mmCIF file of all heavy atoms, coordinates in Angstrom:
data_MODEL
# 
_entry.id   MODEL 
# 
loop_
_atom_site.group_PDB 
_atom_site.id 
_atom_site.type_symbol 
_atom_site.label_atom_id 
_atom_site.label_alt_id 
_atom_site.label_comp_id 
_atom_site.label_asym_id 
_atom_site.label_entity_id 
_atom_site.label_seq_id 
_atom_site.pdbx_PDB_ins_code 
_atom_site.Cartn_x 
_atom_site.Cartn_y 
_atom_site.Cartn_z 
_atom_site.occupancy 
_atom_site.B_iso_or_equiv 
_atom_site.pdbx_formal_charge 
_atom_site.auth_seq_id 
_atom_site.auth_comp_id 
_atom_site.auth_asym_id 
_atom_site.auth_atom_id 
_atom_site.pdbx_PDB_model_num 
ATOM 1   N N   . ALA A 1 1  ? 8.045  8.184   -8.309  1.00 0.00 ? 1  ALA A N   1 
ATOM 2   C CA  . ALA A 1 1  ? 6.862  8.905   -8.048  1.00 0.00 ? 1  ALA A CA  1 
ATOM 3   C C   . ALA A 1 1  ? 6.086  8.450   -6.809  1.00 0.00 ? 1  ALA A C   1 
ATOM 4   O O   . ALA A 1 1  ? 4.850  8.327   -6.750  1.00 0.00 ? 1  ALA A O   1 
ATOM 5   C CB  . ALA A 1 1  ? 5.916  8.930   -9.255  1.00 0.00 ? 1  ALA A CB  1 
ATOM 6   N N   . PHE A 1 2  ? 6.847  8.230   -5.700  1.00 0.00 ? 2  PHE A N   1 
ATOM 7   C CA  . PHE A 1 2  ? 6.345  7.714   -4.508  1.00 0.00 ? 2  PHE A CA  1 
ATOM 8   C C   . PHE A 1 2  ? 5.304  8.711   -3.950  1.00 0.00 ? 2  PHE A C   1 
ATOM 9   O O   . PHE A 1 2  ? 5.653  9.909   -3.776  1.00 0.00 ? 2  PHE A O   1 
ATOM 10  C CB  . PHE A 1 2  ? 7.412  7.479   -3.495  1.00 0.00 ? 2  PHE A CB  1 
ATOM 11  C CG  . PHE A 1 2  ? 6.929  7.037   -2.150  1.00 0.00 ? 2  PHE A CG  1 
ATOM 12  C CD1 . PHE A 1 2  ? 6.706  5.661   -1.895  1.00 0.00 ? 2  PHE A CD1 1 
ATOM 13  C CD2 . PHE A 1 2  ? 6.739  7.876   -1.077  1.00 0.00 ? 2  PHE A CD2 1 
ATOM 14  C CE1 . PHE A 1 2  ? 6.203  5.213   -0.678  1.00 0.00 ? 2  PHE A CE1 1 
ATOM 15  C CE2 . PHE A 1 2  ? 6.197  7.466   0.075   1.00 0.00 ? 2  PHE A CE2 1 
ATOM 16  C CZ  . PHE A 1 2  ? 5.987  6.118   0.353   1.00 0.00 ? 2  PHE A CZ  1 
ATOM 17  N N   . ARG A 1 3  ? 4.114  8.104   -3.572  1.00 0.00 ? 3  ARG A N   1 
ATOM 18  C CA  . ARG A 1 3  ? 3.132  8.824   -2.753  1.00 0.00 ? 3  ARG A CA  1 
ATOM 19  C C   . ARG A 1 3  ? 2.501  7.827   -1.900  1.00 0.00 ? 3  ARG A C   1 
ATOM 20  O O   . ARG A 1 3  ? 1.853  6.860   -2.351  1.00 0.00 ? 3  ARG A O   1 
ATOM 21  C CB  . ARG A 1 3  ? 2.109  9.523   -3.753  1.00 0.00 ? 3  ARG A CB  1 
ATOM 22  C CG  . ARG A 1 3  ? 2.642  10.623  -4.563  1.00 0.00 ? 3  ARG A CG  1 
ATOM 23  C CD  . ARG A 1 3  ? 1.637  11.280  -5.393  1.00 0.00 ? 3  ARG A CD  1 
ATOM 24  N NE  . ARG A 1 3  ? 0.517  10.431  -5.800  1.00 0.00 ? 3  ARG A NE  1 
ATOM 25  C CZ  . ARG A 1 3  ? -0.481 10.795  -6.489  1.00 0.00 ? 3  ARG A CZ  1 
ATOM 26  N NH1 . ARG A 1 3  ? -0.608 12.061  -6.822  1.00 0.00 ? 3  ARG A NH1 1 
ATOM 27  N NH2 . ARG A 1 3  ? -1.434 9.990   -6.796  1.00 0.00 ? 3  ARG A NH2 1 
ATOM 28  N N   . SER A 1 4  ? 2.616  7.939   -0.667  1.00 0.00 ? 4  SER A N   1 
ATOM 29  C CA  . SER A 1 4  ? 2.152  6.969   0.347   1.00 0.00 ? 4  SER A CA  1 
ATOM 30  C C   . SER A 1 4  ? 0.648  6.720   0.150   1.00 0.00 ? 4  SER A C   1 
ATOM 31  O O   . SER A 1 4  ? 0.152  5.595   0.296   1.00 0.00 ? 4  SER A O   1 
ATOM 32  C CB  . SER A 1 4  ? 2.436  7.309   1.843   1.00 0.00 ? 4  SER A CB  1 
ATOM 33  O OG  . SER A 1 4  ? 1.869  8.548   2.164   1.00 0.00 ? 4  SER A OG  1 
ATOM 34  N N   . ARG A 1 5  ? -0.078 7.759   -0.281  1.00 0.00 ? 5  ARG A N   1 
ATOM 35  C CA  . ARG A 1 5  ? -1.515 7.610   -0.390  1.00 0.00 ? 5  ARG A CA  1 
ATOM 36  C C   . ARG A 1 5  ? -1.956 6.661   -1.528  1.00 0.00 ? 5  ARG A C   1 
ATOM 37  O O   . ARG A 1 5  ? -3.044 6.237   -1.616  1.00 0.00 ? 5  ARG A O   1 
ATOM 38  C CB  . ARG A 1 5  ? -2.196 8.956   -0.550  1.00 0.00 ? 5  ARG A CB  1 
ATOM 39  C CG  . ARG A 1 5  ? -1.803 9.621   -1.870  1.00 0.00 ? 5  ARG A CG  1 
ATOM 40  C CD  . ARG A 1 5  ? -2.638 10.961  -1.932  1.00 0.00 ? 5  ARG A CD  1 
ATOM 41  N NE  . ARG A 1 5  ? -2.261 11.679  -3.164  1.00 0.00 ? 5  ARG A NE  1 
ATOM 42  C CZ  . ARG A 1 5  ? -1.378 12.660  -3.186  1.00 0.00 ? 5  ARG A CZ  1 
ATOM 43  N NH1 . ARG A 1 5  ? -0.698 13.050  -2.106  1.00 0.00 ? 5  ARG A NH1 1 
ATOM 44  N NH2 . ARG A 1 5  ? -1.134 13.341  -4.314  1.00 0.00 ? 5  ARG A NH2 1 
ATOM 45  N N   . ASP A 1 6  ? -0.999 6.269   -2.438  1.00 0.00 ? 6  ASP A N   1 
ATOM 46  C CA  . ASP A 1 6  ? -1.226 5.370   -3.554  1.00 0.00 ? 6  ASP A CA  1 
ATOM 47  C C   . ASP A 1 6  ? -1.140 3.935   -3.014  1.00 0.00 ? 6  ASP A C   1 
ATOM 48  O O   . ASP A 1 6  ? -1.466 3.068   -3.830  1.00 0.00 ? 6  ASP A O   1 
ATOM 49  C CB  . ASP A 1 6  ? -0.286 5.584   -4.686  1.00 0.00 ? 6  ASP A CB  1 
ATOM 50  C CG  . ASP A 1 6  ? -0.388 6.944   -5.370  1.00 0.00 ? 6  ASP A CG  1 
ATOM 51  O OD1 . ASP A 1 6  ? -1.516 7.538   -5.285  1.00 0.00 ? 6  ASP A OD1 1 
ATOM 52  O OD2 . ASP A 1 6  ? 0.532  7.402   -6.016  1.00 0.00 ? 6  ASP A OD2 1 
ATOM 53  N N   . TYR A 1 7  ? -0.671 3.691   -1.824  1.00 0.00 ? 7  TYR A N   1 
ATOM 54  C CA  . TYR A 1 7  ? -0.385 2.308   -1.449  1.00 0.00 ? 7  TYR A CA  1 
ATOM 55  C C   . TYR A 1 7  ? -1.508 1.692   -0.537  1.00 0.00 ? 7  TYR A C   1 
ATOM 56  O O   . TYR A 1 7  ? -2.267 2.420   0.107   1.00 0.00 ? 7  TYR A O   1 
ATOM 57  C CB  . TYR A 1 7  ? 0.938  2.298   -0.581  1.00 0.00 ? 7  TYR A CB  1 
ATOM 58  C CG  . TYR A 1 7  ? 2.120  2.373   -1.434  1.00 0.00 ? 7  TYR A CG  1 
ATOM 59  C CD1 . TYR A 1 7  ? 2.660  3.565   -1.935  1.00 0.00 ? 7  TYR A CD1 1 
ATOM 60  C CD2 . TYR A 1 7  ? 2.902  1.212   -1.744  1.00 0.00 ? 7  TYR A CD2 1 
ATOM 61  C CE1 . TYR A 1 7  ? 3.755  3.613   -2.740  1.00 0.00 ? 7  TYR A CE1 1 
ATOM 62  C CE2 . TYR A 1 7  ? 4.070  1.331   -2.513  1.00 0.00 ? 7  TYR A CE2 1 
ATOM 63  C CZ  . TYR A 1 7  ? 4.459  2.552   -3.009  1.00 0.00 ? 7  TYR A CZ  1 
ATOM 64  O OH  . TYR A 1 7  ? 5.554  2.571   -3.773  1.00 0.00 ? 7  TYR A OH  1 
ATOM 65  N N   . VAL A 1 8  ? -1.510 0.426   -0.538  1.00 0.00 ? 8  VAL A N   1 
ATOM 66  C CA  . VAL A 1 8  ? -2.334 -0.299  0.415   1.00 0.00 ? 8  VAL A CA  1 
ATOM 67  C C   . VAL A 1 8  ? -1.365 -1.164  1.190   1.00 0.00 ? 8  VAL A C   1 
ATOM 68  O O   . VAL A 1 8  ? -0.259 -1.519  0.722   1.00 0.00 ? 8  VAL A O   1 
ATOM 69  C CB  . VAL A 1 8  ? -3.448 -1.127  -0.198  1.00 0.00 ? 8  VAL A CB  1 
ATOM 70  C CG1 . VAL A 1 8  ? -4.412 -0.306  -0.942  1.00 0.00 ? 8  VAL A CG1 1 
ATOM 71  C CG2 . VAL A 1 8  ? -2.840 -2.235  -1.175  1.00 0.00 ? 8  VAL A CG2 1 
ATOM 72  N N   . ILE A 1 9  ? -1.744 -1.499  2.437   1.00 0.00 ? 9  ILE A N   1 
ATOM 73  C CA  . ILE A 1 9  ? -0.965 -2.316  3.344   1.00 0.00 ? 9  ILE A CA  1 
ATOM 74  C C   . ILE A 1 9  ? -1.728 -3.466  3.836   1.00 0.00 ? 9  ILE A C   1 
ATOM 75  O O   . ILE A 1 9  ? -2.849 -3.299  4.238   1.00 0.00 ? 9  ILE A O   1 
ATOM 76  C CB  . ILE A 1 9  ? -0.431 -1.424  4.441   1.00 0.00 ? 9  ILE A CB  1 
ATOM 77  C CG1 . ILE A 1 9  ? 0.549  -0.347  3.917   1.00 0.00 ? 9  ILE A CG1 1 
ATOM 78  C CG2 . ILE A 1 9  ? 0.224  -2.361  5.460   1.00 0.00 ? 9  ILE A CG2 1 
ATOM 79  C CD1 . ILE A 1 9  ? 1.091  0.586   4.935   1.00 0.00 ? 9  ILE A CD1 1 
ATOM 80  N N   . ALA A 1 10 ? -1.161 -4.676  3.789   1.00 0.00 ? 10 ALA A N   1 
ATOM 81  C CA  . ALA A 1 10 ? -1.771 -5.822  4.276   1.00 0.00 ? 10 ALA A CA  1 
ATOM 82  C C   . ALA A 1 10 ? -1.279 -5.988  5.729   1.00 0.00 ? 10 ALA A C   1 
ATOM 83  O O   . ALA A 1 10 ? -0.077 -5.859  5.964   1.00 0.00 ? 10 ALA A O   1 
ATOM 84  C CB  . ALA A 1 10 ? -1.490 -7.110  3.555   1.00 0.00 ? 10 ALA A CB  1 
ATOM 85  N N   . ALA A 1 11 ? -2.134 -6.280  6.648   1.00 0.00 ? 11 ALA A N   1 
ATOM 86  C CA  . ALA A 1 11 ? -1.782 -6.410  8.015   1.00 0.00 ? 11 ALA A CA  1 
ATOM 87  C C   . ALA A 1 11 ? -2.470 -7.624  8.692   1.00 0.00 ? 11 ALA A C   1 
ATOM 88  O O   . ALA A 1 11 ? -3.580 -8.028  8.296   1.00 0.00 ? 11 ALA A O   1 
ATOM 89  C CB  . ALA A 1 11 ? -2.061 -5.165  8.855   1.00 0.00 ? 11 ALA A CB  1 
ATOM 90  N N   . ASP A 1 12 ? -1.827 -8.202  9.679   1.00 0.00 ? 12 ASP A N   1 
ATOM 91  C CA  . ASP A 1 12 ? -2.418 -9.353  10.393  1.00 0.00 ? 12 ASP A CA  1 
ATOM 92  C C   . ASP A 1 12 ? -3.583 -8.786  11.283  1.00 0.00 ? 12 ASP A C   1 
ATOM 93  O O   . ASP A 1 12 ? -3.401 -7.809  11.956  1.00 0.00 ? 12 ASP A O   1 
ATOM 94  C CB  . ASP A 1 12 ? -1.316 -10.026 11.225  1.00 0.00 ? 12 ASP A CB  1 
ATOM 95  C CG  . ASP A 1 12 ? -1.842 -11.162 11.999  1.00 0.00 ? 12 ASP A CG  1 
ATOM 96  O OD1 . ASP A 1 12 ? -2.233 -12.200 11.412  1.00 0.00 ? 12 ASP A OD1 1 
ATOM 97  O OD2 . ASP A 1 12 ? -1.900 -11.097 13.270  1.00 0.00 ? 12 ASP A OD2 1 
ATOM 98  N N   . GLU A 1 13 ? -4.746 -9.476  11.221  1.00 0.00 ? 13 GLU A N   1 
ATOM 99  C CA  . GLU A 1 13 ? -5.864 -9.102  11.997  1.00 0.00 ? 13 GLU A CA  1 
ATOM 100 C C   . GLU A 1 13 ? -5.667 -9.098  13.506  1.00 0.00 ? 13 GLU A C   1 
ATOM 101 O O   . GLU A 1 13 ? -6.177 -8.234  14.196  1.00 0.00 ? 13 GLU A O   1 
ATOM 102 C CB  . GLU A 1 13 ? -7.023 -9.946  11.629  1.00 0.00 ? 13 GLU A CB  1 
ATOM 103 C CG  . GLU A 1 13 ? -7.576 -9.651  10.242  1.00 0.00 ? 13 GLU A CG  1 
ATOM 104 C CD  . GLU A 1 13 ? -8.734 -10.545 9.865   1.00 0.00 ? 13 GLU A CD  1 
ATOM 105 O OE1 . GLU A 1 13 ? -9.645 -10.765 10.796  1.00 0.00 ? 13 GLU A OE1 1 
ATOM 106 O OE2 . GLU A 1 13 ? -8.823 -11.022 8.754   1.00 0.00 ? 13 GLU A OE2 1 
ATOM 107 N N   . GLU A 1 14 ? -4.947 -10.051 13.958  1.00 0.00 ? 14 GLU A N   1 
ATOM 108 C CA  . GLU A 1 14 ? -4.726 -10.179 15.416  1.00 0.00 ? 14 GLU A CA  1 
ATOM 109 C C   . GLU A 1 14 ? -3.709 -9.250  15.986  1.00 0.00 ? 14 GLU A C   1 
ATOM 110 O O   . GLU A 1 14 ? -3.929 -8.576  17.028  1.00 0.00 ? 14 GLU A O   1 
ATOM 111 C CB  . GLU A 1 14 ? -4.409 -11.613 15.816  1.00 0.00 ? 14 GLU A CB  1 
ATOM 112 C CG  . GLU A 1 14 ? -5.588 -12.577 15.542  1.00 0.00 ? 14 GLU A CG  1 
ATOM 113 C CD  . GLU A 1 14 ? -5.231 -14.052 15.836  1.00 0.00 ? 14 GLU A CD  1 
ATOM 114 O OE1 . GLU A 1 14 ? -4.132 -14.268 16.563  1.00 0.00 ? 14 GLU A OE1 1 
ATOM 115 O OE2 . GLU A 1 14 ? -5.966 -14.919 15.337  1.00 0.00 ? 14 GLU A OE2 1 
ATOM 116 N N   . SER A 1 15 ? -2.523 -9.195  15.386  1.00 0.00 ? 15 SER A N   1 
ATOM 117 C CA  . SER A 1 15 ? -1.429 -8.387  15.893  1.00 0.00 ? 15 SER A CA  1 
ATOM 118 C C   . SER A 1 15 ? -1.199 -7.066  15.281  1.00 0.00 ? 15 SER A C   1 
ATOM 119 O O   . SER A 1 15 ? -0.491 -6.189  15.747  1.00 0.00 ? 15 SER A O   1 
ATOM 120 C CB  . SER A 1 15 ? -0.090 -9.186  15.718  1.00 0.00 ? 15 SER A CB  1 
ATOM 121 O OG  . SER A 1 15 ? 0.175  -9.250  14.320  1.00 0.00 ? 15 SER A OG  1 
ATOM 122 N N   . ASN A 1 16 ? -1.945 -6.821  14.077  1.00 0.00 ? 16 ASN A N   1 
ATOM 123 C CA  . ASN A 1 16 ? -1.848 -5.514  13.333  1.00 0.00 ? 16 ASN A CA  1 
ATOM 124 C C   . ASN A 1 16 ? -0.517 -5.392  12.736  1.00 0.00 ? 16 ASN A C   1 
ATOM 125 O O   . ASN A 1 16 ? -0.064 -4.287  12.343  1.00 0.00 ? 16 ASN A O   1 
ATOM 126 C CB  . ASN A 1 16 ? -2.173 -4.322  14.265  1.00 0.00 ? 16 ASN A CB  1 
ATOM 127 C CG  . ASN A 1 16 ? -3.273 -3.533  13.693  1.00 0.00 ? 16 ASN A CG  1 
ATOM 128 O OD1 . ASN A 1 16 ? -3.946 -3.941  12.710  1.00 0.00 ? 16 ASN A OD1 1 
ATOM 129 N ND2 . ASN A 1 16 ? -3.555 -2.405  14.274  1.00 0.00 ? 16 ASN A ND2 1 
ATOM 130 N N   . THR A 1 17 ? 0.288  -6.442  12.705  1.00 0.00 ? 17 THR A N   1 
ATOM 131 C CA  . THR A 1 17 ? 1.690  -6.441  12.157  1.00 0.00 ? 17 THR A CA  1 
ATOM 132 C C   . THR A 1 17 ? 1.495  -6.259  10.592  1.00 0.00 ? 17 THR A C   1 
ATOM 133 O O   . THR A 1 17 ? 0.733  -7.003  9.935   1.00 0.00 ? 17 THR A O   1 
ATOM 134 C CB  . THR A 1 17 ? 2.417  -7.703  12.426  1.00 0.00 ? 17 THR A CB  1 
ATOM 135 O OG1 . THR A 1 17 ? 2.452  -7.849  13.862  1.00 0.00 ? 17 THR A OG1 1 
ATOM 136 C CG2 . THR A 1 17 ? 3.758  -7.725  11.878  1.00 0.00 ? 17 THR A CG2 1 
ATOM 137 N N   . ARG A 1 18 ? 2.207  -5.319  9.997   1.00 0.00 ? 18 ARG A N   1 
ATOM 138 C CA  . ARG A 1 18 ? 2.213  -5.119  8.670   1.00 0.00 ? 18 ARG A CA  1 
ATOM 139 C C   . ARG A 1 18 ? 2.961  -6.166  7.870   1.00 0.00 ? 18 ARG A C   1 
ATOM 140 O O   . ARG A 1 18 ? 4.116  -6.554  8.401   1.00 0.00 ? 18 ARG A O   1 
ATOM 141 C CB  . ARG A 1 18 ? 2.760  -3.686  8.301   1.00 0.00 ? 18 ARG A CB  1 
ATOM 142 C CG  . ARG A 1 18 ? 1.926  -2.543  8.775   1.00 0.00 ? 18 ARG A CG  1 
ATOM 143 C CD  . ARG A 1 18 ? 2.501  -1.274  8.598   1.00 0.00 ? 18 ARG A CD  1 
ATOM 144 N NE  . ARG A 1 18 ? 3.523  -1.072  9.667   1.00 0.00 ? 18 ARG A NE  1 
ATOM 145 C CZ  . ARG A 1 18 ? 4.024  0.150   10.007  1.00 0.00 ? 18 ARG A CZ  1 
ATOM 146 N NH1 . ARG A 1 18 ? 3.638  1.286   9.380   1.00 0.00 ? 18 ARG A NH1 1 
ATOM 147 N NH2 . ARG A 1 18 ? 4.865  0.298   10.874  1.00 0.00 ? 18 ARG A NH2 1 
ATOM 148 N N   . ALA A 1 19 ? 2.368  -6.829  6.843   1.00 0.00 ? 19 ALA A N   1 
ATOM 149 C CA  . ALA A 1 19 ? 2.967  -7.950  6.242   1.00 0.00 ? 19 ALA A CA  1 
ATOM 150 C C   . ALA A 1 19 ? 3.297  -7.777  4.738   1.00 0.00 ? 19 ALA A C   1 
ATOM 151 O O   . ALA A 1 19 ? 4.052  -8.457  4.207   1.00 0.00 ? 19 ALA A O   1 
ATOM 152 C CB  . ALA A 1 19 ? 1.954  -9.109  6.376   1.00 0.00 ? 19 ALA A CB  1 
ATOM 153 N N   . GLY A 1 20 ? 2.679  -6.789  4.147   1.00 0.00 ? 20 GLY A N   1 
ATOM 154 C CA  . GLY A 1 20 ? 2.896  -6.596  2.701   1.00 0.00 ? 20 GLY A CA  1 
ATOM 155 C C   . GLY A 1 20 ? 2.253  -5.275  2.307   1.00 0.00 ? 20 GLY A C   1 
ATOM 156 O O   . GLY A 1 20 ? 1.583  -4.627  3.040   1.00 0.00 ? 20 GLY A O   1 
ATOM 157 N N   . PHE A 1 21 ? 2.532  -4.933  0.992   1.00 0.00 ? 21 PHE A N   1 
ATOM 158 C CA  . PHE A 1 21 ? 1.991  -3.654  0.488   1.00 0.00 ? 21 PHE A CA  1 
ATOM 159 C C   . PHE A 1 21 ? 2.038  -3.709  -1.041  1.00 0.00 ? 21 PHE A C   1 
ATOM 160 O O   . PHE A 1 21 ? 2.640  -4.619  -1.627  1.00 0.00 ? 21 PHE A O   1 
ATOM 161 C CB  . PHE A 1 21 ? 2.970  -2.507  0.992   1.00 0.00 ? 21 PHE A CB  1 
ATOM 162 C CG  . PHE A 1 21 ? 4.413  -2.702  0.674   1.00 0.00 ? 21 PHE A CG  1 
ATOM 163 C CD1 . PHE A 1 21 ? 4.988  -2.255  -0.566  1.00 0.00 ? 21 PHE A CD1 1 
ATOM 164 C CD2 . PHE A 1 21 ? 5.206  -3.348  1.550   1.00 0.00 ? 21 PHE A CD2 1 
ATOM 165 C CE1 . PHE A 1 21 ? 6.279  -2.432  -0.817  1.00 0.00 ? 21 PHE A CE1 1 
ATOM 166 C CE2 . PHE A 1 21 ? 6.526  -3.590  1.265   1.00 0.00 ? 21 PHE A CE2 1 
ATOM 167 C CZ  . PHE A 1 21 ? 7.096  -3.121  0.108   1.00 0.00 ? 21 PHE A CZ  1 
ATOM 168 N N   . GLY A 1 22 ? 1.481  -2.681  -1.720  1.00 0.00 ? 22 GLY A N   1 
ATOM 169 C CA  . GLY A 1 22 ? 1.437  -2.490  -3.126  1.00 0.00 ? 22 GLY A CA  1 
ATOM 170 C C   . GLY A 1 22 ? 0.783  -1.227  -3.447  1.00 0.00 ? 22 GLY A C   1 
ATOM 171 O O   . GLY A 1 22 ? 0.214  -0.513  -2.635  1.00 0.00 ? 22 GLY A O   1 
ATOM 172 N N   . ARG A 1 23 ? 0.868  -0.880  -4.776  1.00 0.00 ? 23 ARG A N   1 
ATOM 173 C CA  . ARG A 1 23 ? 0.319  0.437   -5.088  1.00 0.00 ? 23 ARG A CA  1 
ATOM 174 C C   . ARG A 1 23 ? -0.243 0.375   -6.520  1.00 0.00 ? 23 ARG A C   1 
ATOM 175 O O   . ARG A 1 23 ? 0.086  -0.490  -7.294  1.00 0.00 ? 23 ARG A O   1 
ATOM 176 C CB  . ARG A 1 23 ? 1.368  1.520   -5.009  1.00 0.00 ? 23 ARG A CB  1 
ATOM 177 C CG  . ARG A 1 23 ? 2.237  1.598   -6.253  1.00 0.00 ? 23 ARG A CG  1 
ATOM 178 C CD  . ARG A 1 23 ? 3.242  2.670   -6.123  1.00 0.00 ? 23 ARG A CD  1 
ATOM 179 N NE  . ARG A 1 23 ? 2.753  3.958   -6.585  1.00 0.00 ? 23 ARG A NE  1 
ATOM 180 C CZ  . ARG A 1 23 ? 3.552  4.949   -7.081  1.00 0.00 ? 23 ARG A CZ  1 
ATOM 181 N NH1 . ARG A 1 23 ? 4.867  4.761   -7.124  1.00 0.00 ? 23 ARG A NH1 1 
ATOM 182 N NH2 . ARG A 1 23 ? 3.076  6.012   -7.392  1.00 0.00 ? 23 ARG A NH2 1 
ATOM 183 N N   . ILE A 1 24 ? -1.193 1.308   -6.708  1.00 0.00 ? 24 ILE A N   1 
ATOM 184 C CA  . ILE A 1 24 ? -1.624 1.609   -8.088  1.00 0.00 ? 24 ILE A CA  1 
ATOM 185 C C   . ILE A 1 24 ? -0.934 2.892   -8.477  1.00 0.00 ? 24 ILE A C   1 
ATOM 186 O O   . ILE A 1 24 ? -0.993 3.902   -7.664  1.00 0.00 ? 24 ILE A O   1 
ATOM 187 C CB  . ILE A 1 24 ? -3.182 1.754   -8.138  1.00 0.00 ? 24 ILE A CB  1 
ATOM 188 C CG1 . ILE A 1 24 ? -3.831 0.419   -7.971  1.00 0.00 ? 24 ILE A CG1 1 
ATOM 189 C CG2 . ILE A 1 24 ? -3.561 2.391   -9.375  1.00 0.00 ? 24 ILE A CG2 1 
ATOM 190 C CD1 . ILE A 1 24 ? -5.337 0.496   -8.062  1.00 0.00 ? 24 ILE A CD1 1 
ATOM 191 N N   . ARG A 1 25 ? -0.417 2.852   -9.654  1.00 0.00 ? 25 ARG A N   1 
ATOM 192 C CA  . ARG A 1 25 ? 0.097  4.152   -10.190 1.00 0.00 ? 25 ARG A CA  1 
ATOM 193 C C   . ARG A 1 25 ? -0.641 4.549   -11.446 1.00 0.00 ? 25 ARG A C   1 
ATOM 194 O O   . ARG A 1 25 ? -0.788 3.718   -12.388 1.00 0.00 ? 25 ARG A O   1 
ATOM 195 C CB  . ARG A 1 25 ? 1.522  4.027   -10.518 1.00 0.00 ? 25 ARG A CB  1 
ATOM 196 C CG  . ARG A 1 25 ? 2.238  5.217   -11.045 1.00 0.00 ? 25 ARG A CG  1 
ATOM 197 C CD  . ARG A 1 25 ? 3.720  5.111   -11.083 1.00 0.00 ? 25 ARG A CD  1 
ATOM 198 N NE  . ARG A 1 25 ? 4.211  6.352   -11.706 1.00 0.00 ? 25 ARG A NE  1 
ATOM 199 C CZ  . ARG A 1 25 ? 5.456  6.504   -12.259 1.00 0.00 ? 25 ARG A CZ  1 
ATOM 200 N NH1 . ARG A 1 25 ? 6.206  5.435   -12.310 1.00 0.00 ? 25 ARG A NH1 1 
ATOM 201 N NH2 . ARG A 1 25 ? 5.775  7.651   -12.737 1.00 0.00 ? 25 ARG A NH2 1 
ATOM 202 N N   . ILE A 1 26 ? -1.157 5.741   -11.448 1.00 0.00 ? 26 ILE A N   1 
ATOM 203 C CA  . ILE A 1 26 ? -1.957 6.231   -12.548 1.00 0.00 ? 26 ILE A CA  1 
ATOM 204 C C   . ILE A 1 26 ? -1.083 7.139   -13.400 1.00 0.00 ? 26 ILE A C   1 
ATOM 205 O O   . ILE A 1 26 ? -0.435 8.027   -12.912 1.00 0.00 ? 26 ILE A O   1 
ATOM 206 C CB  . ILE A 1 26 ? -3.206 7.127   -12.068 1.00 0.00 ? 26 ILE A CB  1 
ATOM 207 C CG1 . ILE A 1 26 ? -4.062 6.310   -11.074 1.00 0.00 ? 26 ILE A CG1 1 
ATOM 208 C CG2 . ILE A 1 26 ? -3.951 7.512   -13.303 1.00 0.00 ? 26 ILE A CG2 1 
ATOM 209 C CD1 . ILE A 1 26 ? -4.661 5.010   -11.573 1.00 0.00 ? 26 ILE A CD1 1 
ATOM 210 N N   . HIS A 1 27 ? -0.903 6.733   -14.664 1.00 0.00 ? 27 HIS A N   1 
ATOM 211 C CA  . HIS A 1 27 ? -0.084 7.488   -15.610 1.00 0.00 ? 27 HIS A CA  1 
ATOM 212 C C   . HIS A 1 27 ? -1.044 8.329   -16.490 1.00 0.00 ? 27 HIS A C   1 
ATOM 213 O O   . HIS A 1 27 ? -1.976 7.772   -17.045 1.00 0.00 ? 27 HIS A O   1 
ATOM 214 C CB  . HIS A 1 27 ? 0.723  6.558   -16.516 1.00 0.00 ? 27 HIS A CB  1 
ATOM 215 C CG  . HIS A 1 27 ? 1.687  5.675   -15.824 1.00 0.00 ? 27 HIS A CG  1 
ATOM 216 N ND1 . HIS A 1 27 ? 2.830  6.063   -15.400 1.00 0.00 ? 27 HIS A ND1 1 
ATOM 217 C CD2 . HIS A 1 27 ? 1.512  4.470   -15.264 1.00 0.00 ? 27 HIS A CD2 1 
ATOM 218 C CE1 . HIS A 1 27 ? 3.459  5.074   -14.793 1.00 0.00 ? 27 HIS A CE1 1 
ATOM 219 N NE2 . HIS A 1 27 ? 2.642  4.042   -14.697 1.00 0.00 ? 27 HIS A NE2 1 
ATOM 220 N N   . ALA A 1 28 ? -0.823 9.604   -16.556 1.00 0.00 ? 28 ALA A N   1 
ATOM 221 C CA  . ALA A 1 28 ? -1.697 10.502  -17.460 1.00 0.00 ? 28 ALA A CA  1 
ATOM 222 C C   . ALA A 1 28 ? -0.740 11.077  -18.556 1.00 0.00 ? 28 ALA A C   1 
ATOM 223 O O   . ALA A 1 28 ? 0.270  11.684  -18.175 1.00 0.00 ? 28 ALA A O   1 
ATOM 224 C CB  . ALA A 1 28 ? -2.299 11.510  -16.624 1.00 0.00 ? 28 ALA A CB  1 
ATOM 225 N N   . ARG A 1 29 ? -1.210 10.926  -19.754 1.00 0.00 ? 29 ARG A N   1 
ATOM 226 C CA  . ARG A 1 29 ? -0.474 11.515  -20.876 1.00 0.00 ? 29 ARG A CA  1 
ATOM 227 C C   . ARG A 1 29 ? -1.467 11.728  -21.970 1.00 0.00 ? 29 ARG A C   1 
ATOM 228 O O   . ARG A 1 29 ? -2.264 10.870  -22.290 1.00 0.00 ? 29 ARG A O   1 
ATOM 229 C CB  . ARG A 1 29 ? 0.597  10.565  -21.332 1.00 0.00 ? 29 ARG A CB  1 
ATOM 230 C CG  . ARG A 1 29 ? 1.526  11.320  -22.407 1.00 0.00 ? 29 ARG A CG  1 
ATOM 231 C CD  . ARG A 1 29 ? 2.600  10.370  -22.958 1.00 0.00 ? 29 ARG A CD  1 
ATOM 232 N NE  . ARG A 1 29 ? 3.685  10.175  -22.139 1.00 0.00 ? 29 ARG A NE  1 
ATOM 233 C CZ  . ARG A 1 29 ? 4.658  9.363   -22.313 1.00 0.00 ? 29 ARG A CZ  1 
ATOM 234 N NH1 . ARG A 1 29 ? 4.718  8.692   -23.476 1.00 0.00 ? 29 ARG A NH1 1 
ATOM 235 N NH2 . ARG A 1 29 ? 5.665  9.229   -21.548 1.00 0.00 ? 29 ARG A NH2 1 
# 
C-alpha cells in the first residue's frame, strides 16, 4: 500500500543528503 505522502525522510542539515525514512500506515476496518 505504498503512498509516498505517508513517509517522512531524515536528511542531513548541511548537505541535504537523505539518510533515512519511515511511514505511518493507517488501517481502517
